[in-house]
C-alpha cells in the first residue's frame, strides 16, 4: 500500500519526530512565555494606571501613558519570543528602529504636537474652564488633548489650536489668579479740580459692592495730554466679576463725573473760513 501510493511514511514520521524534538520544547516555551508575559503586562498596565490616578495625573494623560507602557512591554515580549526560535533579534530591532525613524520623519509635525501636549498636561499652565490667550487665540479652555487644545471664544466660536503652537509661545491665563485689576483711564478738563475728580471717582468705587478694598484701588494723574488731564483708575475685583464690573464702572464714572460738574474732554477741531472779498 505504501509503495502503491508512492509515499514514504517512515521518512515522514522520522522527519516529524526530528522537528518535534528540535522545535517542540521551543514552541511550548514560546506559548508559555506569551501567555505568562501577556498576563504580567496587563497587570503592569493596570498598576501603572492606578498609580497615575492616585498621583492625580491628568485624565487625558493617564490612559496614554499606561497604553504606551503596555505596547512597549508587548514589543519586548514578542522580540523575546522570536529569540526562542533563533531569530536574530538585533536585526529585528534595527528594522523596527529604521521604521520608527521613517514614521517619525513623516509625522514630524504630529509628533511635535504630541510632545507639546504631553508637556502641557504635565506642567498644566491652564486647565479646562480657564480663560486664556494662547497663540493669538482668546477663549475658555474646553478640552486639552494630546495633539491639540480646543477653546470657546467669548462669541461662542470653537477654535482648535495645535499644541506645538501653544507651547512655543507666551501663554496668558486670566483665570489663574483669584483677583484681577481693572485698568481705566478717565480724562478731565484742564479747568477742572483734580481733587474733586479723584474724590468723585473714589466715591463711585466705594459704592460698588464688587470692588475689593484689599488690594486698595489706585487713582492717580497719569498724563497731561493734549486736551485732557488723564487719571488712571485701577480697582481690584474677583476674576469672575471682571467684565461686568468694568462695564458698570465705565458708565458710572462718566455719569458721576458729569453730575459733579466735571467735563470729559473729547477731540475737537476748529475750522476758520476766510473771505477774499472778491465778487463773483
C-alpha atoms as a PDB file:
ATOM      1  CA  UNK A   1       0.000   0.000   0.000  1.00  0.00           C
ATOM      2  CA  UNK A   2       2.810   2.383   0.911  1.00  0.00           C
ATOM      3  CA  UNK A   3       4.629   1.520  -2.290  1.00  0.00           C
ATOM      4  CA  UNK A   4       1.437   1.863  -4.422  1.00  0.00           C
ATOM      5  CA  UNK A   5       0.877   5.385  -3.114  1.00  0.00           C
ATOM      6  CA  UNK A   6       4.486   6.350  -3.560  1.00  0.00           C
ATOM      7  CA  UNK A   7       4.672   7.881  -0.092  1.00  0.00           C
ATOM      8  CA  UNK A   8       7.467   7.070   2.294  1.00  0.00           C
ATOM      9  CA  UNK A   9       5.613   7.237   5.601  1.00  0.00           C
ATOM     10  CA  UNK A  10       8.682   6.150   7.508  1.00  0.00           C
ATOM     11  CA  UNK A  11      10.585   9.173   6.241  1.00  0.00           C
ATOM     12  CA  UNK A  12       7.673  11.472   7.115  1.00  0.00           C
ATOM     13  CA  UNK A  13       7.418  10.075  10.608  1.00  0.00           C
ATOM     14  CA  UNK A  14      11.175  10.372  11.072  1.00  0.00           C
ATOM     15  CA  UNK A  15      11.156  13.988   9.870  1.00  0.00           C
ATOM     16  CA  UNK A  16       8.205  14.825  12.107  1.00  0.00           C
ATOM     17  CA  UNK A  17       9.953  13.262  15.064  1.00  0.00           C
ATOM     18  CA  UNK A  18      13.106  15.273  14.368  1.00  0.00           C
ATOM     19  CA  UNK A  19      11.110  18.527  14.044  1.00  0.00           C
ATOM     20  CA  UNK A  20       9.181  17.772  17.202  1.00  0.00           C
ATOM     21  CA  UNK A  21      12.336  17.014  19.154  1.00  0.00           C
ATOM     22  CA  UNK A  22      14.046  20.112  17.771  1.00  0.00           C
ATOM     23  CA  UNK A  23      11.184  22.646  17.980  1.00  0.00           C
ATOM     24  CA  UNK A  24       8.663  21.078  20.323  1.00  0.00           C
ATOM     25  CA  UNK A  25      10.078  22.443  23.540  1.00  0.00           C
ATOM     26  CA  UNK A  26      10.734  25.814  21.910  1.00  0.00           C
ATOM     27  CA  UNK A  27       7.118  26.072  20.752  1.00  0.00           C
ATOM     28  CA  UNK A  28       5.854  25.077  24.176  1.00  0.00           C
ATOM     29  CA  UNK A  29       8.234  27.525  25.827  1.00  0.00           C
ATOM     30  CA  UNK A  30       7.162  30.302  23.443  1.00  0.00           C
ATOM     31  CA  UNK A  31       3.485  29.675  24.175  1.00  0.00           C
ATOM     32  CA  UNK A  32       4.101  29.666  27.913  1.00  0.00           C
ATOM     33  CA  UNK A  33       6.162  32.838  27.623  1.00  0.00           C
ATOM     34  CA  UNK A  34       3.434  34.517  25.570  1.00  0.00           C
ATOM     35  CA  UNK A  35       0.649  33.612  27.978  1.00  0.00           C
ATOM     36  CA  UNK A  36       2.555  34.451  31.156  1.00  0.00           C
ATOM     37  CA  UNK A  37       4.107  37.568  29.642  1.00  0.00           C
ATOM     38  CA  UNK A  38       0.751  38.822  28.386  1.00  0.00           C
ATOM     39  CA  UNK A  39      -0.797  38.369  31.842  1.00  0.00           C
ATOM     40  CA  UNK A  40       2.128  40.136  33.544  1.00  0.00           C
ATOM     41  CA  UNK A  41       1.983  43.023  31.062  1.00  0.00           C
ATOM     42  CA  UNK A  42      -1.737  43.515  31.676  1.00  0.00           C
ATOM     43  CA  UNK A  43      -1.108  43.554  35.421  1.00  0.00           C
ATOM     44  CA  UNK A  44       1.664  46.115  34.962  1.00  0.00           C
ATOM     45  CA  UNK A  45      -0.568  48.331  32.815  1.00  0.00           C
ATOM     46  CA  UNK A  46      -3.328  48.178  35.417  1.00  0.00           C
ATOM     47  CA  UNK A  47      -0.854  49.036  38.175  1.00  0.00           C
ATOM     48  CA  UNK A  48       0.562  51.962  36.204  1.00  0.00           C
ATOM     49  CA  UNK A  49      -2.944  53.305  35.594  1.00  0.00           C
ATOM     50  CA  UNK A  50      -3.818  53.061  39.294  1.00  0.00           C
ATOM     51  CA  UNK A  51      -0.562  54.766  40.266  1.00  0.00           C
ATOM     52  CA  UNK A  52      -1.212  57.627  37.840  1.00  0.00           C
ATOM     53  CA  UNK A  53      -4.761  58.071  39.093  1.00  0.00           C
ATOM     54  CA  UNK A  54      -3.509  58.067  42.699  1.00  0.00           C
ATOM     55  CA  UNK A  55      -0.897  60.670  41.759  1.00  0.00           C
ATOM     56  CA  UNK A  56      -3.729  62.782  40.233  1.00  0.00           C
ATOM     57  CA  UNK A  57      -2.153  62.850  36.785  1.00  0.00           C
ATOM     58  CA  UNK A  58      -4.361  64.438  34.116  1.00  0.00           C
ATOM     59  CA  UNK A  59      -7.198  62.154  32.996  1.00  0.00           C
ATOM     60  CA  UNK A  60      -6.127  62.561  29.355  1.00  0.00           C
ATOM     61  CA  UNK A  61      -2.514  61.626  30.057  1.00  0.00           C
ATOM     62  CA  UNK A  62      -3.288  58.631  32.306  1.00  0.00           C
ATOM     63  CA  UNK A  63      -4.617  56.210  29.654  1.00  0.00           C
ATOM     64  CA  UNK A  64      -2.000  57.359  27.165  1.00  0.00           C
ATOM     65  CA  UNK A  65       0.946  56.606  29.470  1.00  0.00           C
ATOM     66  CA  UNK A  66      -0.493  53.274  30.566  1.00  0.00           C
ATOM     67  CA  UNK A  67      -1.091  52.231  26.951  1.00  0.00           C
ATOM     68  CA  UNK A  68       2.415  53.302  25.960  1.00  0.00           C
ATOM     69  CA  UNK A  69       3.859  51.126  28.727  1.00  0.00           C
ATOM     70  CA  UNK A  70       1.648  48.257  27.563  1.00  0.00           C
ATOM     71  CA  UNK A  71       2.737  48.391  23.915  1.00  0.00           C
ATOM     72  CA  UNK A  72       6.424  48.839  24.738  1.00  0.00           C
ATOM     73  CA  UNK A  73       6.382  45.775  27.013  1.00  0.00           C
ATOM     74  CA  UNK A  74       4.394  43.830  24.418  1.00  0.00           C
ATOM     75  CA  UNK A  75       7.042  44.609  21.798  1.00  0.00           C
ATOM     76  CA  UNK A  76       9.766  43.403  24.160  1.00  0.00           C
ATOM     77  CA  UNK A  77       7.779  40.196  24.754  1.00  0.00           C
ATOM     78  CA  UNK A  78       7.398  39.492  21.024  1.00  0.00           C
ATOM     79  CA  UNK A  79      11.121  40.052  20.455  1.00  0.00           C
ATOM     80  CA  UNK A  80      11.893  37.635  23.293  1.00  0.00           C
ATOM     81  CA  UNK A  81       9.606  35.007  21.728  1.00  0.00           C
ATOM     82  CA  UNK A  82      11.324  35.394  18.363  1.00  0.00           C
ATOM     83  CA  UNK A  83      14.644  34.936  20.135  1.00  0.00           C
ATOM     84  CA  UNK A  84      13.494  31.499  21.357  1.00  0.00           C
ATOM     85  CA  UNK A  85      13.174  30.388  17.738  1.00  0.00           C
ATOM     86  CA  UNK A  86      16.673  31.516  16.891  1.00  0.00           C
ATOM     87  CA  UNK A  87      15.659  34.701  15.084  1.00  0.00           C
ATOM     88  CA  UNK A  88      18.374  37.347  15.157  1.00  0.00           C
ATOM     89  CA  UNK A  89      16.669  39.925  17.363  1.00  0.00           C
ATOM     90  CA  UNK A  90      19.338  42.538  16.704  1.00  0.00           C
ATOM     91  CA  UNK A  91      18.270  42.765  13.082  1.00  0.00           C
ATOM     92  CA  UNK A  92      14.606  42.895  14.109  1.00  0.00           C
ATOM     93  CA  UNK A  93      15.317  45.779  16.490  1.00  0.00           C
ATOM     94  CA  UNK A  94      17.281  47.545  13.752  1.00  0.00           C
ATOM     95  CA  UNK A  95      14.393  47.174  11.315  1.00  0.00           C
ATOM     96  CA  UNK A  96      11.914  48.442  13.890  1.00  0.00           C
ATOM     97  CA  UNK A  97      14.199  51.359  14.658  1.00  0.00           C
ATOM     98  CA  UNK A  98      14.519  52.277  10.994  1.00  0.00           C
ATOM     99  CA  UNK A  99      10.748  52.017  10.548  1.00  0.00           C
ATOM    100  CA  UNK A 100      10.221  54.188  13.613  1.00  0.00           C
ATOM    101  CA  UNK A 101      12.644  56.793  12.267  1.00  0.00           C
ATOM    102  CA  UNK A 102      10.859  56.870   8.918  1.00  0.00           C
ATOM    103  CA  UNK A 103       7.492  57.236  10.588  1.00  0.00           C
ATOM    104  CA  UNK A 104       8.895  59.919  12.872  1.00  0.00           C
ATOM    105  CA  UNK A 105      10.176  61.966   9.945  1.00  0.00           C
ATOM    106  CA  UNK A 106       6.874  61.596   8.121  1.00  0.00           C
ATOM    107  CA  UNK A 107       4.900  62.634  11.196  1.00  0.00           C
ATOM    108  CA  UNK A 108       7.284  65.298  12.457  1.00  0.00           C
ATOM    109  CA  UNK A 109       4.561  67.910  12.925  1.00  0.00           C
ATOM    110  CA  UNK A 110       2.232  65.438  14.625  1.00  0.00           C
ATOM    111  CA  UNK A 111       4.961  64.247  16.977  1.00  0.00           C
ATOM    112  CA  UNK A 112       5.790  67.855  17.803  1.00  0.00           C
ATOM    113  CA  UNK A 113       2.150  68.451  18.727  1.00  0.00           C
ATOM    114  CA  UNK A 114       2.170  65.261  20.767  1.00  0.00           C
ATOM    115  CA  UNK A 115       5.338  66.199  22.694  1.00  0.00           C
ATOM    116  CA  UNK A 116       3.935  69.676  23.376  1.00  0.00           C
ATOM    117  CA  UNK A 117       0.639  68.159  24.505  1.00  0.00           C
ATOM    118  CA  UNK A 118       2.418  65.916  26.983  1.00  0.00           C
ATOM    119  CA  UNK A 119       4.304  68.923  28.383  1.00  0.00           C
ATOM    120  CA  UNK A 120       1.062  70.920  28.688  1.00  0.00           C
ATOM    121  CA  UNK A 121      -0.596  68.055  30.532  1.00  0.00           C
ATOM    122  CA  UNK A 122       2.381  67.624  32.870  1.00  0.00           C
ATOM    123  CA  UNK A 123       3.070  71.286  33.731  1.00  0.00           C
ATOM    124  CA  UNK A 124      -0.586  72.402  33.407  1.00  0.00           C
ATOM    125  CA  UNK A 125      -0.239  76.127  32.611  1.00  0.00           C
ATOM    126  CA  UNK A 126      -4.034  76.082  32.245  1.00  0.00           C
ATOM    127  CA  UNK A 127      -6.950  73.733  32.821  1.00  0.00           C
ATOM    128  CA  UNK A 128     -10.432  73.202  31.450  1.00  0.00           C
ATOM    129  CA  UNK A 129     -12.605  76.232  32.199  1.00  0.00           C
ATOM    130  CA  UNK A 130      -9.751  78.774  32.312  1.00  0.00           C
ATOM    131  CA  UNK A 131      -9.948  81.945  30.222  1.00  0.00           C
ATOM    132  CA  UNK A 132      -6.660  82.127  28.306  1.00  0.00           C
ATOM    133  CA  UNK A 133      -4.821  83.865  25.497  1.00  0.00           C
ATOM    134  CA  UNK A 134      -2.713  81.312  23.607  1.00  0.00           C
ATOM    135  CA  UNK A 135      -1.092  81.652  20.177  1.00  0.00           C
ATOM    136  CA  UNK A 136      -3.252  84.686  19.418  1.00  0.00           C
ATOM    137  CA  UNK A 137      -6.496  82.869  20.289  1.00  0.00           C
ATOM    138  CA  UNK A 138      -8.550  84.065  23.256  1.00  0.00           C
ATOM    139  CA  UNK A 139     -11.234  81.965  24.897  1.00  0.00           C
ATOM    140  CA  UNK A 140     -12.265  79.468  27.556  1.00  0.00           C
ATOM    141  CA  UNK A 141     -10.435  76.132  27.515  1.00  0.00           C
ATOM    142  CA  UNK A 142     -12.914  73.424  26.521  1.00  0.00           C
ATOM    143  CA  UNK A 143     -10.567  70.464  26.015  1.00  0.00           C
ATOM    144  CA  UNK A 144      -6.852  69.763  26.441  1.00  0.00           C
ATOM    145  CA  UNK A 145      -5.872  66.904  24.151  1.00  0.00           C
ATOM    146  CA  UNK A 146      -2.603  65.181  23.390  1.00  0.00           C
ATOM    147  CA  UNK A 147      -2.339  66.807  19.952  1.00  0.00           C
ATOM    148  CA  UNK A 148      -4.457  69.975  20.177  1.00  0.00           C
ATOM    149  CA  UNK A 149      -6.386  72.228  22.551  1.00  0.00           C
ATOM    150  CA  UNK A 150      -9.936  73.450  21.993  1.00  0.00           C
ATOM    151  CA  UNK A 151     -11.133  76.900  23.048  1.00  0.00           C
ATOM    152  CA  UNK A 152     -14.545  78.561  23.051  1.00  0.00           C
ATOM    153  CA  UNK A 153     -14.274  82.273  22.244  1.00  0.00           C
ATOM    154  CA  UNK A 154     -16.450  84.869  24.050  1.00  0.00           C
ATOM    155  CA  UNK A 155     -18.740  84.942  20.969  1.00  0.00           C
ATOM    156  CA  UNK A 156     -19.074  81.119  21.203  1.00  0.00           C
ATOM    157  CA  UNK A 157     -16.808  80.093  18.336  1.00  0.00           C
ATOM    158  CA  UNK A 158     -14.909  76.826  18.798  1.00  0.00           C
ATOM    159  CA  UNK A 159     -11.185  77.076  17.980  1.00  0.00           C
ATOM    160  CA  UNK A 160      -8.749  74.158  17.761  1.00  0.00           C
ATOM    161  CA  UNK A 161      -5.121  75.174  18.322  1.00  0.00           C
ATOM    162  CA  UNK A 162      -2.165  72.786  17.714  1.00  0.00           C
ATOM    163  CA  UNK A 163      -0.293  72.139  20.957  1.00  0.00           C
ATOM    164  CA  UNK A 164       3.116  72.872  19.404  1.00  0.00           C
ATOM    165  CA  UNK A 165       1.902  76.390  18.610  1.00  0.00           C
ATOM    166  CA  UNK A 166       0.712  76.908  22.174  1.00  0.00           C
ATOM    167  CA  UNK A 167       3.747  75.532  23.979  1.00  0.00           C
ATOM    168  CA  UNK A 168       6.185  77.501  21.807  1.00  0.00           C
ATOM    169  CA  UNK A 169       4.636  80.887  22.603  1.00  0.00           C
ATOM    170  CA  UNK A 170       3.587  83.027  25.561  1.00  0.00           C
ATOM    171  CA  UNK A 171       0.542  81.773  27.472  1.00  0.00           C
ATOM    172  CA  UNK A 172      -1.728  84.221  29.308  1.00  0.00           C
ATOM    173  CA  UNK A 173      -4.045  82.628  31.860  1.00  0.00           C
ATOM    174  CA  UNK A 174      -6.594  85.159  33.091  1.00  0.00           C
ATOM    175  CA  UNK A 175      -8.192  82.638  35.454  1.00  0.00           C
ATOM    176  CA  UNK A 176      -5.016  81.541  37.209  1.00  0.00           C
ATOM    177  CA  UNK A 177      -5.218  84.182  39.960  1.00  0.00           C
ATOM    178  CA  UNK A 178      -8.280  84.807  42.095  1.00  0.00           C
ATOM    179  CA  UNK A 179      -8.292  88.613  41.725  1.00  0.00           C
ATOM    180  CA  UNK A 180      -7.839  90.824  38.655  1.00  0.00           C
ATOM    181  CA  UNK A 181      -7.214  94.548  38.251  1.00  0.00           C
ATOM    182  CA  UNK A 182      -9.361  96.731  36.007  1.00  0.00           C
ATOM    183  CA  UNK A 183      -7.392  99.460  34.204  1.00  0.00           C
ATOM    184  CA  UNK A 184      -9.438 102.509  33.202  1.00  0.00           C
ATOM    185  CA  UNK A 185      -8.392 105.996  32.078  1.00  0.00           C
ATOM    186  CA  UNK A 186     -10.691 108.942  32.748  1.00  0.00           C
ATOM    187  CA  UNK A 187      -9.922 112.335  31.248  1.00  0.00           C
ATOM    188  CA  UNK A 188     -10.955 115.673  32.761  1.00  0.00           C
ATOM    189  CA  UNK A 189     -10.544 119.217  31.530  1.00  0.00           C
ATOM    190  CA  UNK A 190      -7.540 121.349  32.456  1.00  0.00           C
ATOM    191  CA  UNK A 191     -10.005 123.737  34.083  1.00  0.00           C
ATOM    192  CA  UNK A 192     -11.456 121.062  36.382  1.00  0.00           C
ATOM    193  CA  UNK A 193     -10.489 120.464  40.007  1.00  0.00           C
ATOM    194  CA  UNK A 194      -8.314 117.331  40.132  1.00  0.00           C
ATOM    195  CA  UNK A 195      -9.031 116.754  43.825  1.00  0.00           C
ATOM    196  CA  UNK A 196     -12.767 116.874  43.224  1.00  0.00           C
ATOM    197  CA  UNK A 197     -12.422 114.416  40.349  1.00  0.00           C
ATOM    198  CA  UNK A 198     -10.430 111.967  42.474  1.00  0.00           C
ATOM    199  CA  UNK A 199     -12.979 112.206  45.301  1.00  0.00           C
ATOM    200  CA  UNK A 200     -15.853 111.570  42.880  1.00  0.00           C
ATOM    201  CA  UNK A 201     -14.096 108.560  41.387  1.00  0.00           C
ATOM    202  CA  UNK A 202     -13.315 107.198  44.864  1.00  0.00           C
ATOM    203  CA  UNK A 203     -16.978 107.510  45.856  1.00  0.00           C
ATOM    204  CA  UNK A 204     -18.022 105.545  42.776  1.00  0.00           C
ATOM    205  CA  UNK A 205     -15.565 102.772  43.605  1.00  0.00           C
ATOM    206  CA  UNK A 206     -16.572 102.678  47.266  1.00  0.00           C
ATOM    207  CA  UNK A 207     -20.239 102.344  46.374  1.00  0.00           C
ATOM    208  CA  UNK A 208     -19.756  99.354  44.082  1.00  0.00           C
ATOM    209  CA  UNK A 209     -20.135  96.092  46.050  1.00  0.00           C
ATOM    210  CA  UNK A 210     -17.851  94.059  43.760  1.00  0.00           C
ATOM    211  CA  UNK A 211     -14.842  96.374  44.063  1.00  0.00           C
ATOM    212  CA  UNK A 212     -12.350  94.999  46.580  1.00  0.00           C
ATOM    213  CA  UNK A 213     -10.892  97.085  49.371  1.00  0.00           C
ATOM    214  CA  UNK A 214      -7.814  94.868  49.615  1.00  0.00           C
ATOM    215  CA  UNK A 215      -5.853  95.487  47.470  1.00  0.00           C
ATOM    216  CA  UNK A 216      -6.986  99.103  47.554  1.00  0.00           C
ATOM    217  CA  UNK A 217      -7.874 100.834  44.272  1.00  0.00           C
ATOM    218  CA  UNK A 218      -5.395 103.223  42.692  1.00  0.00           C
ATOM    219  CA  UNK A 219      -6.460 106.656  41.435  1.00  0.00           C
ATOM    220  CA  UNK A 220      -3.705 108.953  40.149  1.00  0.00           C
ATOM    221  CA  UNK A 221      -2.824 111.506  37.485  1.00  0.00           C
ATOM    222  CA  UNK A 222      -1.059 109.597  34.730  1.00  0.00           C
ATOM    223  CA  UNK A 223      -0.703 112.051  31.857  1.00  0.00           C
ATOM    224  CA  UNK A 224      -1.098 115.674  30.865  1.00  0.00           C
ATOM    225  CA  UNK A 225      -2.457 115.019  27.396  1.00  0.00           C
ATOM    226  CA  UNK A 226      -3.135 117.464  24.572  1.00  0.00           C
ATOM    227  CA  UNK A 227      -6.734 118.156  25.538  1.00  0.00           C
ATOM    228  CA  UNK A 228      -7.207 116.497  28.925  1.00  0.00           C
ATOM    229  CA  UNK A 229      -5.710 115.573  32.259  1.00  0.00           C
ATOM    230  CA  UNK A 230      -5.827 111.770  32.326  1.00  0.00           C
ATOM    231  CA  UNK A 231      -6.465 109.892  35.559  1.00  0.00           C
ATOM    232  CA  UNK A 232      -5.808 106.158  35.900  1.00  0.00           C
ATOM    233  CA  UNK A 233      -8.485 104.237  37.790  1.00  0.00           C
ATOM    234  CA  UNK A 234      -7.356 100.768  38.870  1.00  0.00           C
ATOM    235  CA  UNK A 235      -9.750  98.868  41.141  1.00  0.00           C
ATOM    236  CA  UNK A 236      -9.388  95.165  42.010  1.00  0.00           C
ATOM    237  CA  UNK A 237     -12.210  92.642  41.592  1.00  0.00           C
ATOM    238  CA  UNK A 238     -12.775  88.886  41.615  1.00  0.00           C
ATOM    239  CA  UNK A 239     -11.801  87.298  38.331  1.00  0.00           C
ATOM    240  CA  UNK A 240     -15.363  86.166  37.642  1.00  0.00           C
ATOM    241  CA  UNK A 241     -16.646  89.761  38.069  1.00  0.00           C
ATOM    242  CA  UNK A 242     -14.080  91.422  35.800  1.00  0.00           C
ATOM    243  CA  UNK A 243     -16.135  92.229  32.691  1.00  0.00           C
ATOM    244  CA  UNK A 244     -19.415  93.095  34.400  1.00  0.00           C
ATOM    245  CA  UNK A 245     -17.700  95.466  36.854  1.00  0.00           C
ATOM    246  CA  UNK A 246     -15.615  97.042  34.090  1.00  0.00           C
ATOM    247  CA  UNK A 247     -18.705  97.855  32.044  1.00  0.00           C
ATOM    248  CA  UNK A 248     -20.628  99.156  35.068  1.00  0.00           C
ATOM    249  CA  UNK A 249     -17.774 101.358  36.289  1.00  0.00           C
ATOM    250  CA  UNK A 250     -17.184 102.864  32.851  1.00  0.00           C
ATOM    251  CA  UNK A 251     -20.779 104.076  32.739  1.00  0.00           C
ATOM    252  CA  UNK A 252     -20.985 105.123  36.411  1.00  0.00           C
ATOM    253  CA  UNK A 253     -17.746 107.118  36.303  1.00  0.00           C
ATOM    254  CA  UNK A 254     -18.871 109.040  33.236  1.00  0.00           C
ATOM    255  CA  UNK A 255     -22.264 109.848  34.751  1.00  0.00           C
ATOM    256  CA  UNK A 256     -20.948 110.810  38.215  1.00  0.00           C
ATOM    257  CA  UNK A 257     -18.133 112.977  36.890  1.00  0.00           C
ATOM    258  CA  UNK A 258     -20.620 114.920  34.783  1.00  0.00           C
ATOM    259  CA  UNK A 259     -23.063 115.141  37.724  1.00  0.00           C
ATOM    260  CA  UNK A 260     -20.249 116.672  39.809  1.00  0.00           C
ATOM    261  CA  UNK A 261     -19.800 119.395  37.205  1.00  0.00           C
ATOM    262  CA  UNK A 262     -16.626 117.919  35.733  1.00  0.00           C
ATOM    263  CA  UNK A 263     -16.231 117.699  31.978  1.00  0.00           C
ATOM    264  CA  UNK A 264     -14.807 114.838  29.989  1.00  0.00           C
ATOM    265  CA  UNK A 265     -12.970 116.388  27.033  1.00  0.00           C
ATOM    266  CA  UNK A 266     -13.092 114.925  23.552  1.00  0.00           C
ATOM    267  CA  UNK A 267     -11.105 115.875  20.455  1.00  0.00           C
ATOM    268  CA  UNK A 268     -12.419 118.981  18.715  1.00  0.00           C
ATOM    269  CA  UNK A 269     -11.365 120.800  15.602  1.00  0.00           C
ATOM    270  CA  UNK A 270     -11.877 124.487  14.849  1.00  0.00           C
ATOM    271  CA  UNK A 271     -12.408 125.420  11.211  1.00  0.00           C
ATOM    272  CA  UNK A 272     -11.740 129.042  10.179  1.00  0.00           C
ATOM    273  CA  UNK A 273     -13.189 130.345   6.906  1.00  0.00           C
ATOM    274  CA  UNK A 274     -11.613 133.432   5.366  1.00  0.00           C
ATOM    275  CA  UNK A 275     -13.266 135.507   2.655  1.00  0.00           C
ATOM    276  CA  UNK A 276     -11.113 137.069  -0.055  1.00  0.00           C
ATOM    277  CA  UNK A 277     -13.654 139.894  -0.578  1.00  0.00           C
ATOM    278  CA  UNK A 278     -13.724 139.365  -4.352  1.00  0.00           C
ATOM    279  CA  UNK A 279     -17.100 139.398  -6.031  1.00  0.00           C
ATOM    280  CA  UNK A 280     -18.020 136.597  -8.323  1.00  0.00           C
END
